[in-house]
Amino acid sequence: MGAQQREYRQRSRSVQSTKKITRAMELIAASRVVKARQRVTQTSPYTRAITRAVSAVASYSDADHPLTTARENPRRAAVLIITSDRGLAGAYSASVLKRSEQLRETLTDEGMEVVPFLYGRKAESFYRFRGREFAASWSGSSDRPDFETAKEIAQLGLAEFLKGSEEGGVDELHIVYTRFVSMVTQEVQVVRMLPLEVVEAEEVGQEDFLPLYEFEPSPTEALDALLPHYIVSRVWNALLQAAASELAARQRAMKSATDNADELIKTYTRLANQARQAEITQEISEIVSGASALADAK
């Protein structure tokens, strides 16, 4: 019985140590997610505004621009997959990777070769474990992305798209990331960045569009100037959305782990008390039995 008590006490102390770690990680994520949400709030208006501007040029002009016109018989598609660098965030990275695999199957069924661009160590590990090749990867700042990385990703994707599949580039550019809705809701999104989908006008709202536009300079020149900024802003906003989603998911996961640790501590404490009570009961029974045996002997 004594050994059983010691085992339960040791397990309880081990869970208490784990609880301290999960509680600390929960508090760290809670403090960082506030700033991450502020960055999302600050960048989203610009992203919506430039999306509205680009959508207006694409929707209300007859300009045949390579960045807004779908290519015939596309053969290669780049997919930017945004995950986290670390775990302990629930199903955050797993959900993104699962959705990227669905997109991969869809593009493959359409006869296109998928060219992965990976952001986050989880995506890198996923591809390396399966022996898959990827075009480029970035890691080390998934919960605190910087603008220079976003600019580098956008410029590389735009350069690959402008080259086209005939010269070793790509014909489409997709992005898979997690959109931050609230602290309890994050949604995995798949967006085709290039060629620009007119459906993206739905994100802005039809009431924001005027029926007629006049372009000065020409629509083609306007698209040449707007689209590079559009790609950078969308990638930057996606990284910030993903960072806020990652921290929110980690906070929830660590809170759940802390609550589970409390339940385990209560369970082990109860089991240790039961073992102690059983040991006391056994000792009393042995004393009474000994006393009865002595009394009978007399």
Protein backbone atom coordinates (compact mmCIF):
# COMPACT_ATOMS: atom_id res chain seq x y z
CA MET A 1 0.00 0.00 0.00
CA GLY A 2 2.83 2.40 0.83
CA ALA A 3 4.35 1.87 -2.61
CA GLN A 4 1.01 2.63 -4.20
CA GLN A 5 0.73 5.87 -2.26
CA ARG A 6 4.20 6.94 -3.31
CA GLU A 7 3.37 6.21 -6.95
CA TYR A 8 0.24 8.36 -6.85
CA ARG A 9 2.10 11.18 -5.06
CA GLN A 10 4.87 11.09 -7.66
CA ARG A 11 2.37 11.20 -10.50
CA SER A 12 0.60 14.12 -8.87
CA ARG A 13 3.87 16.06 -8.53
CA SER A 14 4.73 15.32 -12.16
CA VAL A 15 1.35 16.61 -13.33
CA GLN A 16 1.77 19.71 -11.17
CA SER A 17 5.10 20.45 -12.89
CA THR A 18 3.46 20.02 -16.29
CA LYS A 19 0.60 22.27 -15.21
CA LYS A 20 3.05 25.07 -14.38
CA ILE A 21 4.49 24.84 -17.90
CA THR A 22 1.12 24.79 -19.67
CA ARG A 23 -0.14 27.65 -17.51
CA ALA A 24 2.92 29.75 -18.36
CA MET A 25 2.51 29.03 -22.08
CA GLU A 26 -1.17 29.95 -21.85
CA LEU A 27 -0.31 33.33 -20.29
CA ILE A 28 2.42 34.01 -22.85
CA ALA A 29 0.06 33.23 -25.75
CA ALA A 30 -2.66 35.40 -24.15
CA SER A 31 -0.30 38.36 -23.90
CA ARG A 32 0.99 38.01 -27.47
CA VAL A 33 -2.37 37.44 -29.12
CA VAL A 34 -3.50 40.94 -28.09
CA LYS A 35 -0.74 42.57 -30.14
CA ALA A 36 -1.27 40.10 -32.99
CA ARG A 37 -4.96 41.03 -33.15
CA GLN A 38 -4.05 44.72 -33.20
CA ARG A 39 -1.71 44.17 -36.16
CA VAL A 40 -4.47 42.35 -38.04
CA THR A 41 -6.90 45.19 -37.31
CA GLN A 42 -4.40 47.80 -38.47
CA THR A 43 -3.51 46.11 -41.78
CA SER A 44 -6.94 44.80 -42.82
CA PRO A 45 -8.37 48.20 -43.96
CA TYR A 46 -5.46 48.75 -46.36
CA THR A 47 -5.78 45.20 -47.67
CA ARG A 48 -9.50 45.66 -48.27
CA ALA A 49 -8.91 49.02 -49.94
CA ILE A 50 -6.30 47.76 -52.38
CA THR A 51 -8.41 44.66 -53.07
CA ARG A 52 -11.31 47.00 -53.91
CA ALA A 53 -9.09 49.06 -56.20
CA VAL A 54 -7.65 46.08 -58.06
CA SER A 55 -11.06 44.41 -58.32
CA ALA A 56 -12.49 47.63 -59.74
CA VAL A 57 -9.86 47.78 -62.47
CA ALA A 58 -10.26 44.09 -63.25
CA SER A 59 -14.06 44.16 -63.21
CA TYR A 60 -14.85 47.44 -64.95
CA SER A 61 -12.24 47.57 -67.69
CA ASP A 62 -11.57 45.48 -70.76
CA ALA A 63 -7.82 45.39 -70.11
CA ASP A 64 -6.24 42.06 -71.05
CA HIS A 65 -3.62 41.97 -68.31
CA PRO A 66 -1.61 38.78 -67.63
CA LEU A 67 -2.17 39.08 -63.87
CA THR A 68 -5.97 39.14 -64.21
CA THR A 69 -6.47 36.85 -67.20
CA ALA A 70 -6.55 33.09 -66.70
CA ARG A 71 -4.06 31.29 -68.92
CA GLU A 72 -5.09 28.60 -71.34
CA ASN A 73 -4.17 25.08 -70.27
CA PRO A 74 -2.37 25.94 -67.02
CA ARG A 75 0.24 23.34 -66.17
CA ARG A 76 1.84 24.44 -62.90
CA ALA A 77 0.38 26.02 -59.77
CA ALA A 78 2.24 27.43 -56.78
CA VAL A 79 0.69 26.90 -53.35
CA LEU A 80 1.86 28.92 -50.33
CA ILE A 81 1.11 26.92 -47.16
CA ILE A 82 1.24 28.91 -43.91
CA THR A 83 1.66 26.84 -40.72
CA SER A 84 3.38 27.32 -37.36
CA ASP A 85 6.95 26.79 -36.24
CA ARG A 86 5.99 25.09 -32.98
CA GLY A 87 3.36 22.66 -31.82
CA LEU A 88 1.14 22.75 -28.72
CA ALA A 89 -1.48 24.69 -30.67
CA GLY A 90 -4.14 22.03 -31.06
CA ALA A 91 -5.11 21.20 -34.63
CA TYR A 92 -3.96 24.56 -36.03
CA SER A 93 -1.23 23.30 -38.38
CA ALA A 94 -2.96 19.97 -39.04
CA SER A 95 -6.06 21.76 -40.36
CA VAL A 96 -3.99 23.87 -42.76
CA LEU A 97 -2.04 20.86 -44.01
CA LYS A 98 -5.23 18.86 -44.46
CA ARG A 99 -6.78 21.65 -46.52
CA SER A 100 -3.59 22.01 -48.58
CA GLU A 101 -3.71 18.29 -49.38
CA GLN A 102 -7.27 18.68 -50.60
CA LEU A 103 -6.19 21.59 -52.80
CA ARG A 104 -3.26 19.53 -54.05
CA GLU A 105 -5.58 16.72 -55.10
CA THR A 106 -7.92 19.16 -56.82
CA LEU A 107 -5.13 20.81 -58.80
CA THR A 108 -3.63 17.43 -59.69
CA ASP A 109 -6.98 16.20 -60.96
CA GLU A 110 -7.11 19.29 -63.17
CA GLY A 111 -3.80 18.23 -64.71
CA MET A 112 -1.56 20.75 -62.95
CA GLU A 113 1.74 20.19 -61.18
CA VAL A 114 1.78 21.62 -57.66
CA VAL A 115 4.79 23.72 -56.60
CA PRO A 116 4.74 24.10 -52.78
CA PHE A 117 6.04 27.18 -50.99
CA LEU A 118 6.18 26.48 -47.25
CA TYR A 119 5.98 28.85 -44.30
CA GLY A 120 6.57 27.34 -40.85
CA ARG A 121 8.54 24.36 -39.59
CA LYS A 122 5.42 22.19 -39.33
CA ALA A 123 4.92 22.37 -43.09
CA GLU A 124 8.61 21.66 -43.68
CA SER A 125 8.49 18.61 -41.40
CA PHE A 126 5.33 17.39 -43.12
CA TYR A 127 6.97 17.48 -46.55
CA ARG A 128 10.36 16.17 -45.47
CA PHE A 129 8.81 13.21 -43.61
CA ARG A 130 7.01 12.20 -46.81
CA GLY A 131 10.04 12.76 -49.01
CA ARG A 132 8.38 15.50 -51.05
CA GLU A 133 10.16 18.36 -52.73
CA PHE A 134 9.25 22.02 -52.27
CA ALA A 135 10.36 25.16 -54.06
CA ALA A 136 11.16 27.37 -51.04
CA SER A 137 10.53 27.60 -47.31
CA TRP A 138 10.58 30.20 -44.54
CA SER A 139 10.54 29.58 -40.79
CA GLY A 140 11.43 31.06 -37.44
CA SER A 141 8.80 33.78 -37.09
CA SER A 142 5.37 32.22 -37.50
CA ASP A 143 3.96 33.86 -34.34
CA ARG A 144 5.73 37.18 -35.06
CA PRO A 145 5.95 37.61 -38.85
CA ASP A 146 7.92 40.50 -40.31
CA PHE A 147 7.12 42.54 -43.38
CA GLU A 148 10.41 41.79 -45.14
CA THR A 149 9.60 38.08 -45.19
CA ALA A 150 6.14 38.79 -46.56
CA LYS A 151 7.65 41.00 -49.25
CA GLU A 152 10.19 38.31 -50.17
CA ILE A 153 7.46 35.67 -50.47
CA ALA A 154 5.25 37.94 -52.57
CA GLN A 155 8.07 38.96 -54.91
CA LEU A 156 9.15 35.35 -55.43
CA GLY A 157 5.58 34.24 -56.14
CA LEU A 158 5.02 37.14 -58.54
CA ALA A 159 8.30 36.44 -60.35
CA GLU A 160 7.42 32.76 -60.77
CA PHE A 161 3.98 33.70 -62.10
CA LEU A 162 5.37 36.22 -64.60
CA LYS A 163 7.78 33.58 -65.94
CA GLY A 164 4.98 31.16 -66.71
CA SER A 165 5.13 27.39 -66.85
CA GLU A 166 6.83 27.41 -70.24
CA GLU A 167 9.91 29.00 -68.68
CA GLY A 168 9.83 26.99 -65.45
CA GLY A 169 7.47 29.26 -63.56
CA VAL A 170 3.83 28.80 -62.59
CA ASP A 171 0.46 29.68 -64.11
CA GLU A 172 -1.46 30.08 -60.84
CA LEU A 173 -0.65 31.18 -57.30
CA HIS A 174 -2.73 29.93 -54.35
CA ILE A 175 -2.40 30.57 -50.64
CA VAL A 176 -3.64 28.38 -47.75
CA TYR A 177 -3.79 30.10 -44.37
CA THR A 178 -5.94 30.45 -41.25
CA ARG A 179 -8.14 33.54 -41.05
CA PHE A 180 -8.63 35.01 -37.59
CA VAL A 181 -12.33 35.54 -36.84
CA SER A 182 -12.36 35.63 -33.05
CA MET A 183 -10.57 34.10 -30.09
CA VAL A 184 -12.67 30.95 -30.41
CA THR A 185 -13.08 30.82 -34.19
CA GLN A 186 -10.38 30.56 -36.85
CA GLU A 187 -11.12 29.43 -40.39
CA VAL A 188 -8.77 27.83 -42.90
CA GLN A 189 -8.95 29.80 -46.15
CA VAL A 190 -7.85 28.95 -49.69
CA VAL A 191 -7.41 31.97 -51.97
CA ARG A 192 -6.23 32.06 -55.55
CA MET A 193 -4.01 35.10 -55.59
CA LEU A 194 -3.08 35.02 -59.28
CA PRO A 195 -4.72 35.29 -61.73
CA LEU A 196 -6.96 37.61 -59.74
CA GLU A 197 -10.38 36.11 -59.11
CA VAL A 198 -13.25 38.52 -59.61
CA VAL A 199 -15.03 36.62 -56.83
CA GLU A 200 -12.79 38.48 -54.39
CA ALA A 201 -15.06 41.47 -54.92
CA GLU A 202 -17.51 39.65 -52.66
CA GLU A 203 -15.12 40.16 -49.74
CA VAL A 204 -15.45 43.90 -50.12
CA GLY A 205 -19.17 44.13 -50.81
CA GLN A 206 -21.01 45.21 -53.94
CA GLU A 207 -22.13 48.48 -52.32
CA ASP A 208 -18.51 49.69 -52.46
CA PHE A 209 -18.43 49.66 -56.28
CA LEU A 210 -19.59 52.41 -58.60
CA PRO A 211 -21.19 51.54 -61.94
CA LEU A 212 -18.74 53.49 -64.13
CA TYR A 213 -15.00 54.15 -63.94
CA GLU A 214 -12.55 56.23 -65.89
CA PHE A 215 -8.88 55.23 -65.65
CA GLU A 216 -5.99 57.63 -65.89
CA PRO A 217 -3.49 56.36 -66.85
CA SER A 218 -4.71 53.32 -68.79
CA PRO A 219 -6.13 50.25 -66.97
CA THR A 220 -3.05 48.25 -67.92
CA GLU A 221 -0.71 50.77 -66.33
CA ALA A 222 -2.94 50.96 -63.27
CA LEU A 223 -2.79 47.17 -62.90
CA ASP A 224 0.99 47.19 -63.36
CA ALA A 225 1.25 49.61 -60.44
CA LEU A 226 -1.43 48.11 -58.18
CA LEU A 227 -0.97 44.36 -58.44
CA PRO A 228 2.53 44.05 -56.91
CA HIS A 229 1.31 46.06 -53.89
CA TYR A 230 -1.84 43.95 -53.84
CA ILE A 231 0.13 40.68 -53.66
CA VAL A 232 2.43 41.98 -50.91
CA SER A 233 -0.47 43.29 -48.83
CA ARG A 234 -2.45 40.05 -49.15
CA VAL A 235 0.53 37.89 -48.19
CA TRP A 236 1.37 40.20 -45.28
CA ASN A 237 -2.21 40.19 -44.05
CA ALA A 238 -2.37 36.39 -44.39
CA LEU A 239 0.78 36.00 -42.26
CA LEU A 240 -0.66 38.29 -39.59
CA GLN A 241 -4.00 36.49 -39.64
CA ALA A 242 -2.20 33.16 -39.30
CA ALA A 243 -0.06 34.45 -36.41
CA ALA A 244 -3.11 35.64 -34.48
CA SER A 245 -4.87 32.34 -35.19
CA GLU A 246 -1.84 30.35 -34.02
CA LEU A 247 -1.60 32.24 -30.72
CA ALA A 248 -5.35 31.96 -30.11
CA ALA A 249 -5.22 28.21 -30.82
CA ARG A 250 -2.22 27.79 -28.52
CA GLN A 251 -3.93 29.70 -25.72
CA ARG A 252 -6.99 27.45 -25.98
CA ALA A 253 -4.89 24.30 -26.15
CA MET A 254 -2.80 25.27 -23.14
CA LYS A 255 -5.89 26.25 -21.15
CA SER A 256 -7.40 22.87 -21.92
CA ALA A 257 -4.16 21.16 -20.87
CA THR A 258 -4.10 23.13 -17.62
CA ASP A 259 -7.71 22.19 -16.87
CA ASN A 260 -6.94 18.54 -17.60
CA ALA A 261 -3.94 18.73 -15.27
CA ASP A 262 -6.20 20.00 -12.48
CA GLU A 263 -8.52 17.04 -13.01
CA LEU A 264 -5.61 14.60 -12.98
CA ILE A 265 -4.23 16.10 -9.77
CA LYS A 266 -7.63 15.69 -8.13
CA THR A 267 -7.84 12.09 -9.34
CA TYR A 268 -4.36 11.15 -8.10
CA THR A 269 -4.99 12.88 -4.77
CA ARG A 270 -8.20 10.92 -4.32
CA LEU A 271 -6.51 7.64 -5.26
CA ALA A 272 -3.62 8.35 -2.86
CA ASN A 273 -6.08 9.07 -0.05
CA GLN A 274 -7.97 5.88 -0.82
CA ALA A 275 -4.74 3.90 -0.73
CA ARG A 276 -3.78 5.54 2.57
CA GLN A 277 -7.22 4.80 4.02
CA ALA A 278 -6.99 1.19 2.86
CA GLU A 279 -3.57 0.89 4.49
CA ILE A 280 -4.92 2.30 7.79
CA THR A 281 -7.89 -0.03 7.63
CA GLN A 282 -5.63 -2.99 7.05
CA GLU A 283 -3.38 -2.04 9.96
CA ILE A 284 -6.40 -1.68 12.28
CA SER A 285 -7.71 -5.04 11.13
CA GLU A 286 -4.34 -6.67 11.85
CA ILE A 287 -4.21 -5.10 15.33
CA VAL A 288 -7.75 -6.23 16.14
CA SER A 289 -7.06 -9.70 14.81
CA GLY A 290 -3.87 -9.92 16.91
CA ALA A 291 -5.66 -8.75 20.01
CA SER A 292 -8.46 -11.25 19.45
CA ALA A 293 -5.94 -14.04 18.96
CA LEU A 294 -4.19 -13.15 22.25
CA ALA A 295 -7.51 -13.01 24.07
CA ASP A 296 -8.54 -16.41 22.73
CA ALA A 297 -5.14 -17.88 23.74
CA LYS A 298 -5.71 -16.85 27.37
